[in-house]
Amino acid sequence: MTTPQVKAVPDGMHTVTPHLICAGAEDAIEFYKKAFNAVELARLPDPQGKIIHAHIRIGDSAVMLVDEFPDWGGFGPKTLKGSPVTLHLYVEDVDAFVAQAVNAGAKVTMPLEDTFWGDRYGKLEDPFGHHWSVATHIRDISPEEIRQSAQKACG
């Protein structure tokens, strides 16, 4: 009897999948539902009710979550006093998206603006300390135009 071939990357997943550690993963799931229209796909609590694995979908992308587990070296950005990581979201209407996220409890850390690389772009911090950049692509620009604009903007 032959065993069917198992896909190395399961259906619905991408090669890179963020895995967020949150102080209060249950609350984080509810925040992401309200702020980012996330859909909860799976939740696995331990016997004490802490989430040892959760899987949500934001747009077409999977995000995994877990509660903090200090004994396993698992700390979220609030405990660590910040995060060096920013997750990027492309959305259809970034202005409406940011308004929804702020209404759900996110903090704007960089106001929306039209950028030299062709996106309407801004940054948020969620209540759990994770950083998100958000954008809607508004115009196509050649790499050379972007390079020239970047030199002017940074120079």
Protein backbone atom coordinates (compact mmCIF):
# COMPACT_ATOMS: atom_id res chain seq x y z
CA MET A 1 0.00 0.00 0.00
CA THR A 2 1.40 3.41 -0.89
CA THR A 3 1.07 6.48 1.28
CA PRO A 4 -0.32 9.57 -0.46
CA GLN A 5 2.19 12.37 -1.03
CA VAL A 6 1.95 15.03 1.69
CA LYS A 7 2.44 18.65 0.62
CA ALA A 8 5.47 20.25 2.23
CA VAL A 9 3.57 23.56 2.46
CA PRO A 10 -0.08 22.85 3.36
CA ASP A 11 -2.92 24.36 1.35
CA GLY A 12 -3.74 27.85 2.50
CA MET A 13 -0.26 28.51 3.86
CA HIS A 14 2.63 30.55 2.44
CA THR A 15 6.34 29.91 2.80
CA VAL A 16 6.71 32.55 5.56
CA THR A 17 4.08 32.69 8.29
CA PRO A 18 4.27 35.10 11.23
CA HIS A 19 3.96 33.47 14.65
CA LEU A 20 3.10 36.08 17.28
CA ILE A 21 3.63 35.72 21.02
CA CYS A 22 1.04 37.76 22.89
CA ALA A 23 0.45 38.49 26.56
CA GLY A 24 -3.21 37.52 26.31
CA ALA A 25 -3.50 35.62 23.01
CA GLU A 26 -7.26 35.17 23.45
CA ASP A 27 -7.69 38.97 23.63
CA ALA A 28 -5.29 39.36 20.70
CA ILE A 29 -7.44 37.07 18.54
CA GLU A 30 -10.51 39.16 19.33
CA PHE A 31 -8.58 42.38 18.58
CA TYR A 32 -7.38 41.05 15.20
CA LYS A 33 -10.96 40.06 14.33
CA LYS A 34 -12.23 43.59 15.07
CA ALA A 35 -9.24 45.55 13.77
CA PHE A 36 -8.04 43.50 10.80
CA ASN A 37 -11.13 41.38 9.91
CA ALA A 38 -9.22 38.25 10.92
CA VAL A 39 -10.92 34.88 10.77
CA GLU A 40 -10.10 32.38 13.49
CA LEU A 41 -9.27 28.96 12.06
CA ALA A 42 -7.94 27.04 15.07
CA ARG A 43 -7.34 27.42 18.80
CA LEU A 44 -5.63 24.95 21.11
CA PRO A 45 -5.60 25.80 24.83
CA ASP A 46 -3.61 24.00 27.49
CA PRO A 47 -5.42 22.58 30.56
CA GLN A 48 -5.15 26.00 32.30
CA GLY A 49 -6.71 27.78 29.29
CA LYS A 50 -3.54 29.42 27.92
CA ILE A 51 -3.32 29.25 24.16
CA ILE A 52 -0.50 26.98 23.03
CA HIS A 53 -1.46 27.40 19.37
CA ALA A 54 -3.93 29.50 17.43
CA HIS A 55 -4.28 30.09 13.72
CA ILE A 56 -6.01 33.11 12.18
CA ARG A 57 -6.25 34.39 8.64
CA ILE A 58 -5.87 38.07 7.76
CA GLY A 59 -6.75 38.60 4.12
CA ASP A 60 -5.08 35.74 2.26
CA SER A 61 -2.39 35.17 4.89
CA ALA A 62 -2.08 32.90 7.88
CA VAL A 63 -0.89 34.20 11.24
CA MET A 64 -0.20 31.93 14.19
CA LEU A 65 -0.47 33.05 17.80
CA VAL A 66 0.48 31.75 21.20
CA ASP A 67 0.31 33.05 24.77
CA GLU A 68 3.50 33.99 26.57
CA PHE A 69 5.22 30.97 28.11
CA PRO A 70 8.24 32.26 30.08
CA ASP A 71 9.36 28.73 30.97
CA TRP A 72 9.76 28.06 27.22
CA GLY A 73 11.44 31.42 26.53
CA GLY A 74 8.26 32.78 24.94
CA PHE A 75 7.80 36.50 25.60
CA GLY A 76 5.73 39.05 23.72
CA PRO A 77 6.75 42.60 22.87
CA LYS A 78 5.04 44.14 25.92
CA THR A 79 7.16 42.03 28.27
CA LEU A 80 10.27 42.67 26.17
CA LYS A 81 9.55 46.44 26.09
CA GLY A 82 9.25 46.54 22.30
CA SER A 83 9.70 44.58 19.11
CA PRO A 84 12.21 44.92 16.29
CA VAL A 85 9.75 43.29 13.86
CA THR A 86 7.11 44.99 11.71
CA LEU A 87 4.51 42.97 9.83
CA HIS A 88 3.28 44.52 6.59
CA LEU A 89 -0.31 44.39 5.33
CA TYR A 90 -1.54 45.41 1.89
CA VAL A 91 -5.23 46.28 1.99
CA GLU A 92 -7.82 47.61 -0.46
CA ASP A 93 -8.55 50.86 1.43
CA VAL A 94 -5.80 51.78 3.89
CA ASP A 95 -7.64 54.84 5.23
CA ALA A 96 -10.71 52.80 6.21
CA PHE A 97 -8.47 49.99 7.48
CA VAL A 98 -6.50 52.32 9.80
CA ALA A 99 -9.71 53.91 11.09
CA GLN A 100 -11.12 50.44 11.90
CA ALA A 101 -7.88 49.38 13.60
CA VAL A 102 -7.71 52.56 15.70
CA ASN A 103 -11.36 52.13 16.67
CA ALA A 104 -10.49 48.60 17.87
CA GLY A 105 -7.55 49.86 19.97
CA ALA A 106 -4.51 50.19 17.69
CA LYS A 107 -2.23 53.24 18.00
CA VAL A 108 -1.02 55.14 14.94
CA THR A 109 2.78 55.39 15.10
CA MET A 110 3.21 56.88 11.61
CA PRO A 111 0.28 58.73 10.01
CA LEU A 112 -0.82 57.71 6.54
CA GLU A 113 0.82 59.48 3.63
CA ASP A 114 1.29 59.01 -0.10
CA THR A 115 4.85 57.74 -0.54
CA PHE A 116 7.47 58.10 -3.23
CA TRP A 117 7.37 54.34 -3.89
CA GLY A 118 3.71 54.40 -4.89
CA ASP A 119 1.87 53.31 -1.73
CA ARG A 120 -0.42 55.14 0.65
CA TYR A 121 1.36 53.96 3.80
CA GLY A 122 1.37 54.26 7.58
CA LYS A 123 2.24 52.33 10.74
CA LEU A 124 0.29 51.00 13.72
CA GLU A 125 1.05 49.36 17.04
CA ASP A 126 -1.50 46.88 18.31
CA PRO A 127 -2.45 46.65 22.01
CA PHE A 128 -0.09 43.68 22.41
CA GLY A 129 2.98 45.61 21.23
CA HIS A 130 3.23 44.22 17.69
CA HIS A 131 4.10 46.69 14.91
CA TRP A 132 2.19 46.75 11.64
CA SER A 133 2.82 48.74 8.50
CA VAL A 134 -0.24 49.08 6.29
CA ALA A 135 -0.60 50.23 2.72
CA THR A 136 -2.67 50.44 -0.40
CA HIS A 137 -0.70 50.57 -3.63
CA ILE A 138 -1.91 53.72 -5.43
CA ARG A 139 0.45 54.14 -8.40
CA ASP A 140 3.03 52.17 -10.33
CA ILE A 141 6.47 53.78 -10.44
CA SER A 142 9.59 52.52 -12.20
CA PRO A 143 12.55 51.38 -10.10
CA GLU A 144 14.58 54.29 -11.46
CA GLU A 145 11.90 56.82 -10.41
CA ILE A 146 11.76 55.24 -6.96
CA ARG A 147 15.55 55.42 -6.65
CA GLN A 148 15.60 59.10 -7.66
CA SER A 149 12.73 59.93 -5.31
CA ALA A 150 14.39 58.07 -2.44
CA GLN A 151 17.60 60.06 -2.94
CA LYS A 152 15.63 63.31 -2.81
CA ALA A 153 13.61 62.22 0.24
CA CYS A 154 16.63 60.93 2.16
CA GLY A 155 19.17 63.29 0.94
